């Protein structure tokens, strides 16, 4: 476990930008934490996250967990904690373990530049729209994807203010898609999808290139994205696009 190479301000703005992009139904703040709540399936929109990577002692950790659990219980939701694998959260993780929480698969936060992302392909960039159309949304619930999770992601990404939507089309069908958000000094990439029959053709790179061109046009150079550990194809693509990992996190949920 290591500390993030980003500054304290960078971490805060990145976390605020993350939740601006996935647009939870409600968002509270509590003692330096963001507490999003949603009825959907996107974990980032339903989990408490700290705005700084700072250590906790046992007493502070115990009290904080109590208060966060109470806030979610008041909304009829279970508390979920999104914690970076930094050493500073060791005590918080220990307290969560004592309460019956356990962590799931790790996710990487990666940062890069719009210029490098734009250069990932020499193919034509994806088309960019200010609103998701029916064909863009259909990809998320179509062949090869979980329809319930896809529908939830479409609703969440569509609620975000100022986002752009990238599509690579084959005739009238969208065969690769993604979304780009722009806030708090960051551009960010979300919802990357490619139809199973069209994978291996460089379409995801075209989506990245289209979103990168939009970021450059807006004068935003810093970009971040999040990708599950073990998603080797996506990790390789993002590495070619110039992204570097800055920390991993996991969701902590109560097992019983």
C-alpha atoms as a PDB file:
ATOM      1  CA  UNK A   1       0.000   0.000   0.000  1.00  0.00           C
ATOM      2  CA  UNK A   2       1.298   3.431  -0.945  1.00  0.00           C
ATOM      3  CA  UNK A   3       0.303   7.084  -0.846  1.00  0.00           C
ATOM      4  CA  UNK A   4      -0.979   8.881  -3.936  1.00  0.00           C
ATOM      5  CA  UNK A   5       1.465  11.011  -5.958  1.00  0.00           C
ATOM      6  CA  UNK A   6      -1.298  13.587  -6.427  1.00  0.00           C
ATOM      7  CA  UNK A   7      -1.590  16.629  -4.182  1.00  0.00           C
ATOM      8  CA  UNK A   8      -4.291  16.910  -1.541  1.00  0.00           C
ATOM      9  CA  UNK A   9      -6.133  19.419  -3.741  1.00  0.00           C
ATOM     10  CA  UNK A  10      -5.836  17.125  -6.775  1.00  0.00           C
ATOM     11  CA  UNK A  11      -7.384  14.251  -4.817  1.00  0.00           C
ATOM     12  CA  UNK A  12     -10.285  16.392  -3.649  1.00  0.00           C
ATOM     13  CA  UNK A  13     -11.036  17.822  -7.094  1.00  0.00           C
ATOM     14  CA  UNK A  14     -10.765  14.380  -8.696  1.00  0.00           C
ATOM     15  CA  UNK A  15     -13.256  12.878  -6.246  1.00  0.00           C
ATOM     16  CA  UNK A  16     -15.666  15.784  -6.718  1.00  0.00           C
ATOM     17  CA  UNK A  17     -15.329  15.437 -10.487  1.00  0.00           C
ATOM     18  CA  UNK A  18     -15.988  11.688 -10.232  1.00  0.00           C
ATOM     19  CA  UNK A  19     -19.336  12.229  -8.563  1.00  0.00           C
ATOM     20  CA  UNK A  20     -20.243  15.099 -10.883  1.00  0.00           C
ATOM     21  CA  UNK A  21     -19.812  12.639 -13.758  1.00  0.00           C
ATOM     22  CA  UNK A  22     -21.906   9.777 -12.357  1.00  0.00           C
ATOM     23  CA  UNK A  23     -24.523  12.163 -10.947  1.00  0.00           C
ATOM     24  CA  UNK A  24     -25.973  10.500  -7.819  1.00  0.00           C
ATOM     25  CA  UNK A  25     -29.559  11.323  -6.961  1.00  0.00           C
ATOM     26  CA  UNK A  26     -28.460  13.040  -3.737  1.00  0.00           C
ATOM     27  CA  UNK A  27     -25.062  14.129  -2.421  1.00  0.00           C
ATOM     28  CA  UNK A  28     -24.159  15.138   1.135  1.00  0.00           C
ATOM     29  CA  UNK A  29     -20.879  16.137   2.761  1.00  0.00           C
ATOM     30  CA  UNK A  30     -19.806  15.044   6.224  1.00  0.00           C
ATOM     31  CA  UNK A  31     -16.476  15.939   7.842  1.00  0.00           C
ATOM     32  CA  UNK A  32     -14.467  15.814   4.638  1.00  0.00           C
ATOM     33  CA  UNK A  33     -16.368  12.935   3.063  1.00  0.00           C
ATOM     34  CA  UNK A  34     -18.794  12.844   0.138  1.00  0.00           C
ATOM     35  CA  UNK A  35     -21.902  10.714   0.729  1.00  0.00           C
ATOM     36  CA  UNK A  36     -23.690  10.042  -2.569  1.00  0.00           C
ATOM     37  CA  UNK A  37     -26.967   8.136  -2.648  1.00  0.00           C
ATOM     38  CA  UNK A  38     -28.684   6.550  -5.628  1.00  0.00           C
ATOM     39  CA  UNK A  39     -31.116   3.769  -6.355  1.00  0.00           C
ATOM     40  CA  UNK A  40     -28.984   2.510  -9.263  1.00  0.00           C
ATOM     41  CA  UNK A  41     -26.183  -0.026  -9.498  1.00  0.00           C
ATOM     42  CA  UNK A  42     -23.154   2.240 -10.006  1.00  0.00           C
ATOM     43  CA  UNK A  43     -21.075   1.765  -6.879  1.00  0.00           C
ATOM     44  CA  UNK A  44     -19.339   5.135  -7.178  1.00  0.00           C
ATOM     45  CA  UNK A  45     -22.743   6.808  -6.927  1.00  0.00           C
ATOM     46  CA  UNK A  46     -23.704   4.900  -3.772  1.00  0.00           C
ATOM     47  CA  UNK A  47     -20.528   4.815  -1.659  1.00  0.00           C
ATOM     48  CA  UNK A  48     -18.976   7.201   0.844  1.00  0.00           C
ATOM     49  CA  UNK A  49     -15.556   8.500  -0.183  1.00  0.00           C
ATOM     50  CA  UNK A  50     -13.006  10.699   1.626  1.00  0.00           C
ATOM     51  CA  UNK A  51     -11.807  13.919   0.007  1.00  0.00           C
ATOM     52  CA  UNK A  52      -8.293  13.539   1.438  1.00  0.00           C
ATOM     53  CA  UNK A  53      -5.917  10.658   2.057  1.00  0.00           C
ATOM     54  CA  UNK A  54      -5.182  11.362   5.716  1.00  0.00           C
ATOM     55  CA  UNK A  55      -4.833   8.930   8.641  1.00  0.00           C
ATOM     56  CA  UNK A  56      -7.460   8.087  11.270  1.00  0.00           C
ATOM     57  CA  UNK A  57      -6.960   6.915  14.812  1.00  0.00           C
ATOM     58  CA  UNK A  58      -9.222   4.200  16.234  1.00  0.00           C
ATOM     59  CA  UNK A  59     -11.562   6.575  18.085  1.00  0.00           C
ATOM     60  CA  UNK A  60     -12.027   8.871  15.088  1.00  0.00           C
ATOM     61  CA  UNK A  61     -12.529   5.934  12.727  1.00  0.00           C
ATOM     62  CA  UNK A  62     -15.137   4.338  15.003  1.00  0.00           C
ATOM     63  CA  UNK A  63     -17.100   7.586  15.344  1.00  0.00           C
ATOM     64  CA  UNK A  64     -16.918   8.356  11.633  1.00  0.00           C
ATOM     65  CA  UNK A  65     -18.234   4.937  10.622  1.00  0.00           C
ATOM     66  CA  UNK A  66     -21.117   5.328  13.088  1.00  0.00           C
ATOM     67  CA  UNK A  67     -22.127   8.669  11.581  1.00  0.00           C
ATOM     68  CA  UNK A  68     -21.828   7.551   7.971  1.00  0.00           C
ATOM     69  CA  UNK A  69     -23.820   4.392   8.667  1.00  0.00           C
ATOM     70  CA  UNK A  70     -26.521   6.522  10.301  1.00  0.00           C
ATOM     71  CA  UNK A  71     -26.754   8.839   7.288  1.00  0.00           C
ATOM     72  CA  UNK A  72     -27.245   5.948   4.879  1.00  0.00           C
ATOM     73  CA  UNK A  73     -29.622   4.133   7.225  1.00  0.00           C
ATOM     74  CA  UNK A  74     -31.787   7.270   7.322  1.00  0.00           C
ATOM     75  CA  UNK A  75     -32.160   6.929   3.536  1.00  0.00           C
ATOM     76  CA  UNK A  76     -32.900   3.200   3.741  1.00  0.00           C
ATOM     77  CA  UNK A  77     -29.564   2.253   2.195  1.00  0.00           C
ATOM     78  CA  UNK A  78     -26.610   0.183   3.410  1.00  0.00           C
ATOM     79  CA  UNK A  79     -23.387   2.087   3.999  1.00  0.00           C
ATOM     80  CA  UNK A  80     -20.625   1.365   1.480  1.00  0.00           C
ATOM     81  CA  UNK A  81     -17.122   2.821   1.811  1.00  0.00           C
ATOM     82  CA  UNK A  82     -14.824   3.517  -1.145  1.00  0.00           C
ATOM     83  CA  UNK A  83     -11.283   3.483   0.219  1.00  0.00           C
ATOM     84  CA  UNK A  84      -7.925   3.916  -1.485  1.00  0.00           C
ATOM     85  CA  UNK A  85      -5.320   1.307  -0.591  1.00  0.00           C
ATOM     86  CA  UNK A  86      -3.167   3.973   1.064  1.00  0.00           C
ATOM     87  CA  UNK A  87      -1.589   3.152   4.427  1.00  0.00           C
ATOM     88  CA  UNK A  88      -3.408   6.109   5.943  1.00  0.00           C
ATOM     89  CA  UNK A  89      -6.658   4.138   5.901  1.00  0.00           C
ATOM     90  CA  UNK A  90      -5.285   1.107   7.768  1.00  0.00           C
ATOM     91  CA  UNK A  91      -7.167   1.935  10.968  1.00  0.00           C
ATOM     92  CA  UNK A  92     -10.387   2.646   9.101  1.00  0.00           C
ATOM     93  CA  UNK A  93     -10.147  -0.666   7.263  1.00  0.00           C
ATOM     94  CA  UNK A  94      -9.454  -2.458  10.544  1.00  0.00           C
ATOM     95  CA  UNK A  95     -12.542  -0.933  12.135  1.00  0.00           C
ATOM     96  CA  UNK A  96     -14.670  -1.871   9.121  1.00  0.00           C
ATOM     97  CA  UNK A  97     -13.395  -5.462   9.287  1.00  0.00           C
ATOM     98  CA  UNK A  98     -14.375  -5.677  12.948  1.00  0.00           C
ATOM     99  CA  UNK A  99     -17.909  -4.652  11.975  1.00  0.00           C
ATOM    100  CA  UNK A 100     -18.226  -7.375   9.351  1.00  0.00           C
ATOM    101  CA  UNK A 101     -17.273  -5.384   6.261  1.00  0.00           C
ATOM    102  CA  UNK A 102     -15.125  -6.851   3.502  1.00  0.00           C
ATOM    103  CA  UNK A 103     -13.580  -5.415   0.361  1.00  0.00           C
ATOM    104  CA  UNK A 104     -14.239  -6.407  -3.232  1.00  0.00           C
ATOM    105  CA  UNK A 105     -12.203  -6.274  -6.425  1.00  0.00           C
ATOM    106  CA  UNK A 106      -9.723  -3.421  -6.664  1.00  0.00           C
ATOM    107  CA  UNK A 107     -10.162  -0.536  -9.107  1.00  0.00           C
ATOM    108  CA  UNK A 108      -7.354   1.639 -10.460  1.00  0.00           C
ATOM    109  CA  UNK A 109      -7.571   5.414 -10.653  1.00  0.00           C
ATOM    110  CA  UNK A 110      -5.401   6.536 -13.550  1.00  0.00           C
ATOM    111  CA  UNK A 111      -4.459  10.009 -14.783  1.00  0.00           C
ATOM    112  CA  UNK A 112      -3.174  11.234 -18.118  1.00  0.00           C
ATOM    113  CA  UNK A 113      -3.262  14.101 -20.558  1.00  0.00           C
ATOM    114  CA  UNK A 114      -5.792  14.934 -23.251  1.00  0.00           C
ATOM    115  CA  UNK A 115      -2.990  15.393 -25.781  1.00  0.00           C
ATOM    116  CA  UNK A 116      -1.610  11.896 -25.211  1.00  0.00           C
ATOM    117  CA  UNK A 117      -5.098  10.401 -25.185  1.00  0.00           C
ATOM    118  CA  UNK A 118      -5.887  12.042 -28.530  1.00  0.00           C
ATOM    119  CA  UNK A 119      -2.776  10.454 -30.054  1.00  0.00           C
ATOM    120  CA  UNK A 120      -3.775   6.894 -29.107  1.00  0.00           C
ATOM    121  CA  UNK A 121      -5.079   6.213 -32.642  1.00  0.00           C
ATOM    122  CA  UNK A 122      -4.630   7.476 -36.171  1.00  0.00           C
ATOM    123  CA  UNK A 123      -8.193   6.435 -37.024  1.00  0.00           C
ATOM    124  CA  UNK A 124     -11.047   8.906 -37.171  1.00  0.00           C
ATOM    125  CA  UNK A 125     -12.207   9.928 -33.681  1.00  0.00           C
ATOM    126  CA  UNK A 126     -15.691   9.014 -32.479  1.00  0.00           C
ATOM    127  CA  UNK A 127     -18.616  11.333 -33.104  1.00  0.00           C
ATOM    128  CA  UNK A 128     -19.399  13.569 -30.132  1.00  0.00           C
ATOM    129  CA  UNK A 129     -22.866  14.656 -29.011  1.00  0.00           C
ATOM    130  CA  UNK A 130     -24.110  16.851 -26.196  1.00  0.00           C
ATOM    131  CA  UNK A 131     -26.859  14.346 -25.342  1.00  0.00           C
ATOM    132  CA  UNK A 132     -27.040  10.548 -25.468  1.00  0.00           C
ATOM    133  CA  UNK A 133     -29.265   9.293 -28.277  1.00  0.00           C
ATOM    134  CA  UNK A 134     -31.232   6.044 -28.377  1.00  0.00           C
ATOM    135  CA  UNK A 135     -28.521   4.176 -30.278  1.00  0.00           C
ATOM    136  CA  UNK A 136     -25.874   5.201 -27.722  1.00  0.00           C
ATOM    137  CA  UNK A 137     -28.079   3.993 -24.863  1.00  0.00           C
ATOM    138  CA  UNK A 138     -28.984   0.764 -26.677  1.00  0.00           C
ATOM    139  CA  UNK A 139     -25.372  -0.415 -26.674  1.00  0.00           C
ATOM    140  CA  UNK A 140     -25.306  -0.461 -22.854  1.00  0.00           C
ATOM    141  CA  UNK A 141     -28.282  -2.812 -22.584  1.00  0.00           C
ATOM    142  CA  UNK A 142     -27.553  -4.920 -25.648  1.00  0.00           C
ATOM    143  CA  UNK A 143     -25.630  -8.080 -26.417  1.00  0.00           C
ATOM    144  CA  UNK A 144     -22.806  -8.899 -24.041  1.00  0.00           C
ATOM    145  CA  UNK A 145     -23.834  -6.551 -21.216  1.00  0.00           C
ATOM    146  CA  UNK A 146     -26.018  -6.776 -18.113  1.00  0.00           C
ATOM    147  CA  UNK A 147     -29.221  -4.928 -19.080  1.00  0.00           C
ATOM    148  CA  UNK A 148     -30.038  -3.774 -15.542  1.00  0.00           C
ATOM    149  CA  UNK A 149     -26.528  -2.482 -14.903  1.00  0.00           C
ATOM    150  CA  UNK A 150     -26.422  -0.896 -18.339  1.00  0.00           C
ATOM    151  CA  UNK A 151     -29.747   0.880 -17.883  1.00  0.00           C
ATOM    152  CA  UNK A 152     -28.598   2.210 -14.506  1.00  0.00           C
ATOM    153  CA  UNK A 153     -25.354   3.495 -16.032  1.00  0.00           C
ATOM    154  CA  UNK A 154     -27.219   5.217 -18.857  1.00  0.00           C
ATOM    155  CA  UNK A 155     -29.499   6.999 -16.382  1.00  0.00           C
ATOM    156  CA  UNK A 156     -26.586   8.104 -14.224  1.00  0.00           C
ATOM    157  CA  UNK A 157     -24.352   9.317 -17.051  1.00  0.00           C
ATOM    158  CA  UNK A 158     -27.290  11.042 -18.732  1.00  0.00           C
ATOM    159  CA  UNK A 159     -28.061  13.051 -15.560  1.00  0.00           C
ATOM    160  CA  UNK A 160     -24.599  14.615 -15.459  1.00  0.00           C
ATOM    161  CA  UNK A 161     -24.414  18.292 -16.331  1.00  0.00           C
ATOM    162  CA  UNK A 162     -22.224  19.250 -19.274  1.00  0.00           C
ATOM    163  CA  UNK A 163     -21.084  15.769 -20.226  1.00  0.00           C
ATOM    164  CA  UNK A 164     -20.428  14.721 -23.821  1.00  0.00           C
ATOM    165  CA  UNK A 165     -21.233  11.375 -25.411  1.00  0.00           C
ATOM    166  CA  UNK A 166     -19.002   9.573 -27.900  1.00  0.00           C
ATOM    167  CA  UNK A 167     -20.288   7.104 -30.498  1.00  0.00           C
ATOM    168  CA  UNK A 168     -18.690   5.004 -33.208  1.00  0.00           C
ATOM    169  CA  UNK A 169     -21.428   3.955 -35.601  1.00  0.00           C
ATOM    170  CA  UNK A 170     -21.850   1.164 -38.097  1.00  0.00           C
ATOM    171  CA  UNK A 171     -24.775   2.286 -40.253  1.00  0.00           C
ATOM    172  CA  UNK A 172     -27.462   3.204 -37.674  1.00  0.00           C
ATOM    173  CA  UNK A 173     -26.024   1.077 -34.859  1.00  0.00           C
ATOM    174  CA  UNK A 174     -23.664   2.434 -32.208  1.00  0.00           C
ATOM    175  CA  UNK A 175     -20.947  -0.196 -31.821  1.00  0.00           C
ATOM    176  CA  UNK A 176     -18.615   1.637 -29.406  1.00  0.00           C
ATOM    177  CA  UNK A 177     -19.398   4.371 -26.920  1.00  0.00           C
ATOM    178  CA  UNK A 178     -18.241   6.321 -23.922  1.00  0.00           C
ATOM    179  CA  UNK A 179     -18.908   9.524 -22.018  1.00  0.00           C
ATOM    180  CA  UNK A 180     -16.694  12.421 -21.071  1.00  0.00           C
ATOM    181  CA  UNK A 181     -17.251  14.761 -18.129  1.00  0.00           C
ATOM    182  CA  UNK A 182     -15.598  18.107 -17.480  1.00  0.00           C
ATOM    183  CA  UNK A 183     -15.507  19.671 -14.036  1.00  0.00           C
ATOM    184  CA  UNK A 184     -13.219  20.817 -11.217  1.00  0.00           C
ATOM    185  CA  UNK A 185     -10.337  21.236 -13.667  1.00  0.00           C
ATOM    186  CA  UNK A 186     -10.508  17.636 -14.907  1.00  0.00           C
ATOM    187  CA  UNK A 187     -11.792  15.800 -17.936  1.00  0.00           C
ATOM    188  CA  UNK A 188     -12.803  12.223 -17.180  1.00  0.00           C
ATOM    189  CA  UNK A 189     -13.767   9.130 -19.146  1.00  0.00           C
ATOM    190  CA  UNK A 190     -16.714   6.926 -18.197  1.00  0.00           C
ATOM    191  CA  UNK A 191     -18.910   4.134 -19.525  1.00  0.00           C
ATOM    192  CA  UNK A 192     -16.533   2.732 -22.138  1.00  0.00           C
ATOM    193  CA  UNK A 193     -18.351   0.062 -24.126  1.00  0.00           C
ATOM    194  CA  UNK A 194     -17.680  -1.862 -27.363  1.00  0.00           C
ATOM    195  CA  UNK A 195     -20.126  -4.308 -28.944  1.00  0.00           C
ATOM    196  CA  UNK A 196     -18.686  -7.850 -28.612  1.00  0.00           C
ATOM    197  CA  UNK A 197     -18.758  -8.409 -32.392  1.00  0.00           C
ATOM    198  CA  UNK A 198     -16.630  -5.308 -33.019  1.00  0.00           C
ATOM    199  CA  UNK A 199     -13.877  -5.730 -30.441  1.00  0.00           C
ATOM    200  CA  UNK A 200     -10.258  -5.806 -31.532  1.00  0.00           C
ATOM    201  CA  UNK A 201     -10.779  -3.174 -34.242  1.00  0.00           C
ATOM    202  CA  UNK A 202      -9.483  -0.146 -32.367  1.00  0.00           C
ATOM    203  CA  UNK A 203     -12.911   1.346 -31.723  1.00  0.00           C
ATOM    204  CA  UNK A 204     -12.291   2.084 -28.038  1.00  0.00           C
ATOM    205  CA  UNK A 205      -9.259   4.108 -29.096  1.00  0.00           C
ATOM    206  CA  UNK A 206     -11.498   6.147 -31.388  1.00  0.00           C
ATOM    207  CA  UNK A 207     -13.830   6.827 -28.458  1.00  0.00           C
ATOM    208  CA  UNK A 208     -10.896   8.029 -26.363  1.00  0.00           C
ATOM    209  CA  UNK A 209      -9.660  10.188 -29.229  1.00  0.00           C
ATOM    210  CA  UNK A 210     -13.045  11.847 -29.670  1.00  0.00           C
ATOM    211  CA  UNK A 211     -13.378  12.637 -25.973  1.00  0.00           C
ATOM    212  CA  UNK A 212      -9.769  13.862 -25.852  1.00  0.00           C
ATOM    213  CA  UNK A 213     -10.366  16.247 -28.757  1.00  0.00           C
ATOM    214  CA  UNK A 214     -13.363  17.650 -26.882  1.00  0.00           C
ATOM    215  CA  UNK A 215     -11.241  18.164 -23.760  1.00  0.00           C
ATOM    216  CA  UNK A 216      -8.529  19.956 -25.758  1.00  0.00           C
ATOM    217  CA  UNK A 217     -11.175  22.189 -27.311  1.00  0.00           C
ATOM    218  CA  UNK A 218     -12.366  23.087 -23.820  1.00  0.00           C
ATOM    219  CA  UNK A 219      -8.806  23.854 -22.720  1.00  0.00           C
ATOM    220  CA  UNK A 220      -8.688  20.957 -20.230  1.00  0.00           C
ATOM    221  CA  UNK A 221      -5.515  18.880 -20.340  1.00  0.00           C
ATOM    222  CA  UNK A 222      -5.748  16.725 -17.194  1.00  0.00           C
ATOM    223  CA  UNK A 223      -7.788  13.545 -17.619  1.00  0.00           C
ATOM    224  CA  UNK A 224      -8.622  10.666 -15.315  1.00  0.00           C
ATOM    225  CA  UNK A 225     -10.461   7.378 -15.567  1.00  0.00           C
ATOM    226  CA  UNK A 226     -11.127   4.341 -13.409  1.00  0.00           C
ATOM    227  CA  UNK A 227     -10.686   0.726 -14.455  1.00  0.00           C
ATOM    228  CA  UNK A 228     -10.985  -2.604 -12.653  1.00  0.00           C
ATOM    229  CA  UNK A 229      -7.796  -4.389 -11.753  1.00  0.00           C
ATOM    230  CA  UNK A 230      -7.561  -7.447 -13.993  1.00  0.00           C
ATOM    231  CA  UNK A 231      -9.235  -5.861 -17.023  1.00  0.00           C
ATOM    232  CA  UNK A 232      -6.109  -6.454 -19.057  1.00  0.00           C
ATOM    233  CA  UNK A 233      -7.416  -5.253 -22.419  1.00  0.00           C
ATOM    234  CA  UNK A 234      -8.589  -1.935 -20.997  1.00  0.00           C
ATOM    235  CA  UNK A 235      -5.414  -1.488 -18.943  1.00  0.00           C
ATOM    236  CA  UNK A 236      -3.292  -2.023 -22.068  1.00  0.00           C
ATOM    237  CA  UNK A 237      -5.350   0.501 -24.043  1.00  0.00           C
ATOM    238  CA  UNK A 238      -5.106   3.129 -21.334  1.00  0.00           C
ATOM    239  CA  UNK A 239      -1.366   2.551 -21.017  1.00  0.00           C
ATOM    240  CA  UNK A 240      -0.996   3.216 -24.769  1.00  0.00           C
ATOM    241  CA  UNK A 241      -3.078   6.364 -24.281  1.00  0.00           C
ATOM    242  CA  UNK A 242      -0.577   7.653 -21.722  1.00  0.00           C
ATOM    243  CA  UNK A 243      -2.459   6.952 -18.507  1.00  0.00           C
ATOM    244  CA  UNK A 244      -0.564   6.206 -15.313  1.00  0.00           C
ATOM    245  CA  UNK A 245      -1.991   4.620 -12.126  1.00  0.00           C
ATOM    246  CA  UNK A 246      -2.105   6.880  -9.065  1.00  0.00           C
ATOM    247  CA  UNK A 247      -3.927   4.678  -6.560  1.00  0.00           C
ATOM    248  CA  UNK A 248      -6.176   1.669  -6.209  1.00  0.00           C
ATOM    249  CA  UNK A 249      -9.369   1.540  -4.224  1.00  0.00           C
ATOM    250  CA  UNK A 250     -11.920  -1.042  -3.174  1.00  0.00           C
ATOM    251  CA  UNK A 251     -15.518  -0.944  -2.003  1.00  0.00           C
ATOM    252  CA  UNK A 252     -16.103  -2.097   1.570  1.00  0.00           C
ATOM    253  CA  UNK A 253     -19.524  -3.642   2.174  1.00  0.00           C
ATOM    254  CA  UNK A 254     -20.976  -5.369   5.216  1.00  0.00           C
ATOM    255  CA  UNK A 255     -21.275  -9.109   4.604  1.00  0.00           C
ATOM    256  CA  UNK A 256     -23.990  -9.770   7.217  1.00  0.00           C
END
